[in-house]
N, C-alpha and C. Protein backbone atom coordinates (compact mmCIF):
# COMPACT_ATOMS: atom_id res chain seq x y z
N UNK A 1 -16.32 -49.36 5.05
CA UNK A 1 -17.16 -48.39 5.72
C UNK A 1 -16.32 -47.39 6.50
N UNK A 2 -15.25 -47.85 7.10
CA UNK A 2 -14.38 -46.96 7.88
C UNK A 2 -13.79 -45.89 6.98
N UNK A 3 -13.47 -46.25 5.77
CA UNK A 3 -12.92 -45.27 4.84
C UNK A 3 -13.91 -44.16 4.57
N UNK A 4 -15.14 -44.52 4.38
CA UNK A 4 -16.17 -43.52 4.09
C UNK A 4 -16.31 -42.54 5.25
N UNK A 5 -16.31 -43.05 6.48
CA UNK A 5 -16.43 -42.18 7.65
C UNK A 5 -15.21 -41.28 7.81
N UNK A 6 -14.02 -41.82 7.56
CA UNK A 6 -12.83 -40.99 7.69
C UNK A 6 -12.81 -39.91 6.61
N UNK A 7 -13.33 -40.21 5.43
CA UNK A 7 -13.40 -39.21 4.37
C UNK A 7 -14.36 -38.10 4.77
N UNK A 8 -15.48 -38.47 5.37
CA UNK A 8 -16.44 -37.47 5.83
C UNK A 8 -15.83 -36.63 6.94
N UNK A 9 -15.09 -37.28 7.84
CA UNK A 9 -14.48 -36.56 8.94
C UNK A 9 -13.48 -35.54 8.42
N UNK A 10 -12.65 -35.93 7.45
CA UNK A 10 -11.66 -35.02 6.89
C UNK A 10 -12.32 -33.84 6.20
N UNK A 11 -13.42 -34.10 5.48
CA UNK A 11 -14.13 -33.01 4.81
C UNK A 11 -14.66 -32.01 5.83
N UNK A 12 -15.19 -32.50 6.94
CA UNK A 12 -15.74 -31.59 7.94
C UNK A 12 -14.63 -30.84 8.67
N UNK A 13 -13.47 -31.48 8.83
CA UNK A 13 -12.35 -30.80 9.46
C UNK A 13 -11.83 -29.66 8.58
N UNK A 14 -11.87 -29.87 7.26
CA UNK A 14 -11.38 -28.87 6.32
C UNK A 14 -12.38 -27.75 6.07
N UNK A 15 -13.63 -27.98 6.44
CA UNK A 15 -14.66 -26.96 6.21
C UNK A 15 -14.36 -25.73 7.04
N UNK A 16 -14.51 -24.53 6.43
CA UNK A 16 -14.23 -23.30 7.18
C UNK A 16 -15.17 -23.14 8.36
N UNK A 17 -14.62 -22.67 9.46
CA UNK A 17 -15.42 -22.40 10.65
C UNK A 17 -16.03 -21.01 10.52
N UNK A 18 -17.13 -20.74 11.22
CA UNK A 18 -17.77 -19.42 11.11
C UNK A 18 -16.81 -18.27 11.36
N UNK A 19 -15.91 -18.41 12.32
CA UNK A 19 -14.94 -17.34 12.62
C UNK A 19 -14.03 -17.10 11.41
N UNK A 20 -13.57 -18.22 10.77
CA UNK A 20 -12.71 -18.11 9.60
C UNK A 20 -13.43 -17.40 8.46
N UNK A 21 -14.71 -17.71 8.29
CA UNK A 21 -15.49 -17.07 7.23
C UNK A 21 -15.63 -15.57 7.49
N UNK A 22 -15.81 -15.21 8.77
CA UNK A 22 -15.93 -13.80 9.13
C UNK A 22 -14.64 -13.05 8.80
N UNK A 23 -13.50 -13.65 9.15
CA UNK A 23 -12.21 -13.02 8.86
C UNK A 23 -11.96 -12.95 7.36
N UNK A 24 -12.34 -14.01 6.65
CA UNK A 24 -12.17 -14.03 5.19
C UNK A 24 -13.01 -12.92 4.54
N UNK A 25 -14.23 -12.75 5.00
CA UNK A 25 -15.11 -11.70 4.48
C UNK A 25 -14.53 -10.32 4.77
N UNK A 26 -13.99 -10.13 5.97
CA UNK A 26 -13.37 -8.85 6.33
C UNK A 26 -12.17 -8.59 5.44
N UNK A 27 -11.37 -9.61 5.17
CA UNK A 27 -10.21 -9.45 4.31
C UNK A 27 -10.63 -9.09 2.89
N UNK A 28 -11.70 -9.70 2.40
CA UNK A 28 -12.22 -9.37 1.06
C UNK A 28 -12.62 -7.90 1.00
N UNK A 29 -13.36 -7.44 2.02
CA UNK A 29 -13.80 -6.04 2.04
C UNK A 29 -12.61 -5.10 2.07
N UNK A 30 -11.62 -5.42 2.86
CA UNK A 30 -10.45 -4.57 2.96
C UNK A 30 -9.72 -4.50 1.63
N UNK A 31 -9.51 -5.64 1.01
CA UNK A 31 -8.76 -5.64 -0.24
C UNK A 31 -9.51 -4.90 -1.34
N UNK A 32 -10.82 -4.92 -1.33
CA UNK A 32 -11.57 -4.21 -2.37
C UNK A 32 -11.65 -2.71 -2.09
N UNK A 33 -11.47 -2.31 -0.83
CA UNK A 33 -11.58 -0.90 -0.46
C UNK A 33 -10.23 -0.18 -0.41
N UNK A 34 -9.13 -0.91 -0.37
CA UNK A 34 -7.81 -0.29 -0.26
C UNK A 34 -7.49 0.54 -1.51
N UNK A 35 -6.80 1.64 -1.30
CA UNK A 35 -6.35 2.47 -2.41
C UNK A 35 -5.18 1.74 -3.07
N UNK A 36 -5.43 1.11 -4.20
CA UNK A 36 -4.42 0.31 -4.88
C UNK A 36 -3.23 1.15 -5.33
N UNK A 37 -3.45 2.43 -5.56
CA UNK A 37 -2.36 3.31 -5.97
C UNK A 37 -1.33 3.42 -4.86
N UNK A 38 -1.76 3.56 -3.64
CA UNK A 38 -0.85 3.71 -2.51
C UNK A 38 -0.39 2.36 -1.96
N UNK A 39 -1.22 1.35 -2.06
CA UNK A 39 -0.96 0.06 -1.41
C UNK A 39 0.32 -0.62 -1.93
N UNK A 40 0.70 -0.39 -3.15
CA UNK A 40 1.92 -0.99 -3.70
C UNK A 40 3.11 -0.53 -2.87
N UNK A 41 3.99 -1.44 -2.52
CA UNK A 41 5.09 -1.18 -1.59
C UNK A 41 5.94 0.04 -1.93
N UNK A 42 6.39 0.16 -3.15
CA UNK A 42 7.28 1.27 -3.51
C UNK A 42 6.52 2.60 -3.49
N UNK A 43 5.28 2.60 -3.95
CA UNK A 43 4.49 3.84 -3.93
C UNK A 43 4.18 4.26 -2.50
N UNK A 44 3.93 3.30 -1.63
CA UNK A 44 3.71 3.62 -0.21
C UNK A 44 4.97 4.23 0.39
N UNK A 45 6.11 3.71 0.01
CA UNK A 45 7.37 4.27 0.47
C UNK A 45 7.58 5.70 -0.01
N UNK A 46 7.28 5.95 -1.27
CA UNK A 46 7.44 7.29 -1.84
C UNK A 46 6.51 8.28 -1.16
N UNK A 47 5.23 7.95 -1.07
CA UNK A 47 4.24 8.88 -0.52
C UNK A 47 4.50 9.12 0.97
N UNK A 48 4.95 8.08 1.68
CA UNK A 48 5.27 8.23 3.10
C UNK A 48 6.49 9.13 3.30
N UNK A 49 7.50 8.94 2.48
CA UNK A 49 8.70 9.78 2.57
C UNK A 49 8.36 11.24 2.28
N UNK A 50 7.50 11.46 1.29
CA UNK A 50 7.12 12.83 0.95
C UNK A 50 6.23 13.45 2.03
N UNK A 51 5.45 12.64 2.71
CA UNK A 51 4.60 13.15 3.79
C UNK A 51 5.46 13.63 4.96
N UNK A 52 6.64 13.05 5.10
CA UNK A 52 7.53 13.40 6.21
C UNK A 52 8.53 14.50 5.85
N UNK A 53 8.55 14.93 4.59
CA UNK A 53 9.51 15.93 4.11
C UNK A 53 8.79 16.95 3.23
N UNK A 54 9.26 18.18 3.26
CA UNK A 54 8.65 19.23 2.42
C UNK A 54 8.77 18.87 0.95
N UNK A 55 9.93 18.35 0.55
CA UNK A 55 10.15 17.88 -0.82
C UNK A 55 11.35 16.96 -0.80
N UNK A 56 11.45 16.12 -1.81
CA UNK A 56 12.59 15.23 -1.97
C UNK A 56 12.96 15.18 -3.44
N UNK A 57 14.24 15.11 -3.70
CA UNK A 57 14.69 14.98 -5.09
C UNK A 57 14.58 13.53 -5.52
N UNK A 58 14.66 13.33 -6.82
CA UNK A 58 14.65 11.99 -7.40
C UNK A 58 15.75 11.15 -6.75
N UNK A 59 16.94 11.72 -6.65
CA UNK A 59 18.09 11.02 -6.07
C UNK A 59 17.86 10.71 -4.59
N UNK A 60 17.28 11.67 -3.86
CA UNK A 60 16.96 11.43 -2.45
C UNK A 60 16.05 10.22 -2.30
N UNK A 61 14.98 10.17 -3.10
CA UNK A 61 14.03 9.07 -3.03
C UNK A 61 14.69 7.75 -3.41
N UNK A 62 15.47 7.77 -4.47
CA UNK A 62 16.16 6.56 -4.92
C UNK A 62 17.07 6.01 -3.82
N UNK A 63 17.83 6.88 -3.19
CA UNK A 63 18.75 6.44 -2.13
C UNK A 63 18.01 6.02 -0.87
N UNK A 64 16.99 6.76 -0.51
CA UNK A 64 16.20 6.46 0.69
C UNK A 64 15.52 5.09 0.57
N UNK A 65 14.95 4.82 -0.60
CA UNK A 65 14.21 3.57 -0.80
C UNK A 65 15.07 2.45 -1.37
N UNK A 66 16.35 2.75 -1.62
CA UNK A 66 17.30 1.75 -2.11
C UNK A 66 16.76 1.01 -3.33
N UNK A 67 16.45 1.77 -4.36
CA UNK A 67 15.88 1.19 -5.57
C UNK A 67 16.54 1.79 -6.81
N UNK A 68 16.01 1.45 -7.96
CA UNK A 68 16.59 1.88 -9.22
C UNK A 68 15.91 3.14 -9.75
N UNK A 69 16.56 3.78 -10.72
CA UNK A 69 15.98 4.95 -11.39
C UNK A 69 14.62 4.60 -11.98
N UNK A 70 14.56 3.47 -12.68
CA UNK A 70 13.32 3.07 -13.35
C UNK A 70 12.19 2.85 -12.37
N UNK A 71 12.49 2.25 -11.24
CA UNK A 71 11.47 1.99 -10.22
C UNK A 71 10.88 3.29 -9.69
N UNK A 72 11.74 4.24 -9.33
CA UNK A 72 11.26 5.53 -8.82
C UNK A 72 10.44 6.22 -9.91
N UNK A 73 10.96 6.23 -11.11
CA UNK A 73 10.31 6.93 -12.21
C UNK A 73 8.89 6.40 -12.47
N UNK A 74 8.76 5.09 -12.58
CA UNK A 74 7.46 4.47 -12.87
C UNK A 74 6.46 4.72 -11.75
N UNK A 75 6.88 4.50 -10.51
CA UNK A 75 5.95 4.62 -9.38
C UNK A 75 5.61 6.07 -9.07
N UNK A 76 6.58 6.96 -9.20
CA UNK A 76 6.29 8.39 -8.99
C UNK A 76 5.31 8.89 -10.05
N UNK A 77 5.45 8.41 -11.26
CA UNK A 77 4.52 8.82 -12.32
C UNK A 77 3.09 8.38 -12.00
N UNK A 78 2.93 7.15 -11.49
CA UNK A 78 1.60 6.66 -11.10
C UNK A 78 0.99 7.56 -10.02
N UNK A 79 1.80 7.93 -9.04
CA UNK A 79 1.31 8.80 -7.97
C UNK A 79 0.99 10.20 -8.50
N UNK A 80 1.78 10.66 -9.44
CA UNK A 80 1.53 11.97 -10.05
C UNK A 80 0.23 11.94 -10.87
N UNK A 81 0.02 10.88 -11.62
CA UNK A 81 -1.21 10.73 -12.41
C UNK A 81 -2.44 10.69 -11.51
N UNK A 82 -2.29 10.15 -10.31
CA UNK A 82 -3.40 10.08 -9.35
C UNK A 82 -3.62 11.42 -8.64
N UNK A 83 -2.68 12.35 -8.85
CA UNK A 83 -2.79 13.65 -8.19
C UNK A 83 -2.25 13.67 -6.78
N UNK A 84 -1.47 12.64 -6.42
CA UNK A 84 -0.96 12.51 -5.06
C UNK A 84 0.37 13.21 -4.84
N UNK A 85 1.08 13.51 -5.92
CA UNK A 85 2.33 14.25 -5.79
C UNK A 85 2.54 15.12 -7.01
N UNK A 86 3.41 16.11 -6.84
CA UNK A 86 3.80 16.96 -7.97
C UNK A 86 5.27 16.72 -8.26
N UNK A 87 5.62 16.93 -9.50
CA UNK A 87 6.99 16.75 -9.95
C UNK A 87 7.43 18.04 -10.62
N UNK A 88 8.52 18.59 -10.15
CA UNK A 88 9.04 19.82 -10.72
C UNK A 88 10.46 19.58 -11.21
N UNK A 89 10.69 19.85 -12.50
CA UNK A 89 12.01 19.64 -13.09
C UNK A 89 12.67 21.00 -13.30
N UNK A 90 13.94 21.08 -12.91
CA UNK A 90 14.69 22.33 -13.07
C UNK A 90 16.17 21.96 -13.21
N UNK A 91 17.00 22.97 -13.16
CA UNK A 91 18.44 22.75 -13.19
C UNK A 91 19.07 23.40 -11.97
N UNK A 92 20.04 22.73 -11.40
CA UNK A 92 20.84 23.30 -10.32
C UNK A 92 22.23 23.45 -10.93
N UNK A 93 22.50 24.68 -11.36
CA UNK A 93 23.68 24.90 -12.19
C UNK A 93 23.40 24.27 -13.53
N UNK A 94 24.20 23.31 -13.92
CA UNK A 94 23.98 22.60 -15.20
C UNK A 94 23.44 21.18 -14.99
N UNK A 95 23.16 20.87 -13.77
CA UNK A 95 22.69 19.51 -13.44
C UNK A 95 21.17 19.50 -13.33
N UNK A 96 20.52 18.55 -14.04
CA UNK A 96 19.06 18.44 -13.92
C UNK A 96 18.65 18.07 -12.50
N UNK A 97 17.55 18.65 -12.05
CA UNK A 97 17.03 18.39 -10.71
C UNK A 97 15.54 18.11 -10.81
N UNK A 98 15.12 16.96 -10.31
CA UNK A 98 13.70 16.61 -10.26
C UNK A 98 13.31 16.54 -8.80
N UNK A 99 12.32 17.35 -8.43
CA UNK A 99 11.85 17.38 -7.04
C UNK A 99 10.38 16.99 -6.96
N UNK A 100 10.06 16.24 -5.93
CA UNK A 100 8.70 15.78 -5.70
C UNK A 100 8.16 16.38 -4.41
N UNK A 101 6.86 16.66 -4.43
CA UNK A 101 6.15 17.13 -3.23
C UNK A 101 4.79 16.41 -3.17
N UNK A 102 4.37 16.11 -1.95
CA UNK A 102 3.05 15.51 -1.77
C UNK A 102 2.00 16.61 -1.92
N UNK A 103 0.88 16.27 -2.53
CA UNK A 103 -0.22 17.23 -2.66
C UNK A 103 -1.19 17.05 -1.49
N UNK A 104 -2.13 17.96 -1.36
CA UNK A 104 -3.14 17.81 -0.30
C UNK A 104 -3.98 16.56 -0.56
N UNK A 105 -4.25 16.25 -1.83
CA UNK A 105 -4.98 15.01 -2.15
C UNK A 105 -4.15 13.79 -1.76
N UNK A 106 -2.84 13.86 -1.97
CA UNK A 106 -1.96 12.76 -1.61
C UNK A 106 -1.92 12.55 -0.11
N UNK A 107 -1.85 13.65 0.64
CA UNK A 107 -1.84 13.56 2.10
C UNK A 107 -3.17 12.97 2.60
N UNK A 108 -4.28 13.41 2.02
CA UNK A 108 -5.60 12.89 2.41
C UNK A 108 -5.71 11.40 2.08
N UNK A 109 -5.21 11.01 0.91
CA UNK A 109 -5.25 9.60 0.51
C UNK A 109 -4.40 8.75 1.44
N UNK A 110 -3.23 9.24 1.82
CA UNK A 110 -2.37 8.51 2.75
C UNK A 110 -3.05 8.38 4.11
N UNK A 111 -3.68 9.43 4.58
CA UNK A 111 -4.40 9.36 5.86
C UNK A 111 -5.54 8.35 5.80
N UNK A 112 -6.30 8.34 4.70
CA UNK A 112 -7.38 7.35 4.54
C UNK A 112 -6.81 5.94 4.55
N UNK A 113 -5.72 5.76 3.84
CA UNK A 113 -5.07 4.45 3.75
C UNK A 113 -4.62 3.99 5.14
N UNK A 114 -3.94 4.87 5.87
CA UNK A 114 -3.46 4.52 7.20
C UNK A 114 -4.61 4.23 8.16
N UNK A 115 -5.67 5.01 8.10
CA UNK A 115 -6.85 4.76 8.93
C UNK A 115 -7.47 3.42 8.60
N UNK A 116 -7.53 3.10 7.32
CA UNK A 116 -8.10 1.83 6.87
C UNK A 116 -7.25 0.66 7.40
N UNK A 117 -5.93 0.79 7.27
CA UNK A 117 -5.05 -0.28 7.75
C UNK A 117 -5.13 -0.42 9.27
N UNK A 118 -5.22 0.70 9.97
CA UNK A 118 -5.34 0.67 11.42
C UNK A 118 -6.64 -0.02 11.84
N UNK A 119 -7.73 0.26 11.14
CA UNK A 119 -9.01 -0.38 11.44
C UNK A 119 -8.93 -1.88 11.19
N UNK A 120 -8.26 -2.27 10.12
CA UNK A 120 -8.09 -3.68 9.82
C UNK A 120 -7.28 -4.37 10.92
N UNK A 121 -6.20 -3.76 11.32
CA UNK A 121 -5.36 -4.32 12.39
C UNK A 121 -6.16 -4.47 13.67
N UNK A 122 -6.91 -3.45 14.04
CA UNK A 122 -7.73 -3.52 15.25
C UNK A 122 -8.79 -4.61 15.16
N UNK A 123 -9.42 -4.73 14.01
CA UNK A 123 -10.45 -5.78 13.82
C UNK A 123 -9.83 -7.15 13.93
N UNK A 124 -8.65 -7.33 13.37
CA UNK A 124 -8.00 -8.64 13.43
C UNK A 124 -7.59 -8.95 14.86
N UNK A 125 -7.10 -7.98 15.59
CA UNK A 125 -6.69 -8.21 16.99
C UNK A 125 -7.88 -8.59 17.86
N UNK A 126 -9.02 -7.99 17.58
CA UNK A 126 -10.23 -8.30 18.35
C UNK A 126 -10.70 -9.72 18.11
N UNK A 127 -10.39 -10.27 16.93
CA UNK A 127 -10.87 -11.60 16.58
C UNK A 127 -9.84 -12.70 16.79
N UNK A 128 -8.68 -12.35 17.28
CA UNK A 128 -7.64 -13.37 17.47
C UNK A 128 -7.73 -13.97 18.85
């Protein structure tokens, strides 16, 4: 009989508390509402760097974010497809030059993302 009671006790201890359910629900809402294009770490780095600079070259971004050519190329293309940045290819002398700039849509998306994250942080602090 003692085993049965201890099993019931353990089940009730493991059951989520109302506060935990509230936080879990908030986390679900946040994850479903986040801009997945920006939320990825490397893309967030790219869009943030471009928001702080008028333009950056491919090499500037690669060095700033300490990553590979392929990483910058793939993630910048995703941001470009979303309309968050522009890519301009030219030559500086005989050397190819790729420059990126944030678009107004990209700046607005970054602001929405930052506001969303700030609201999440504030909500979590209120419940801790």
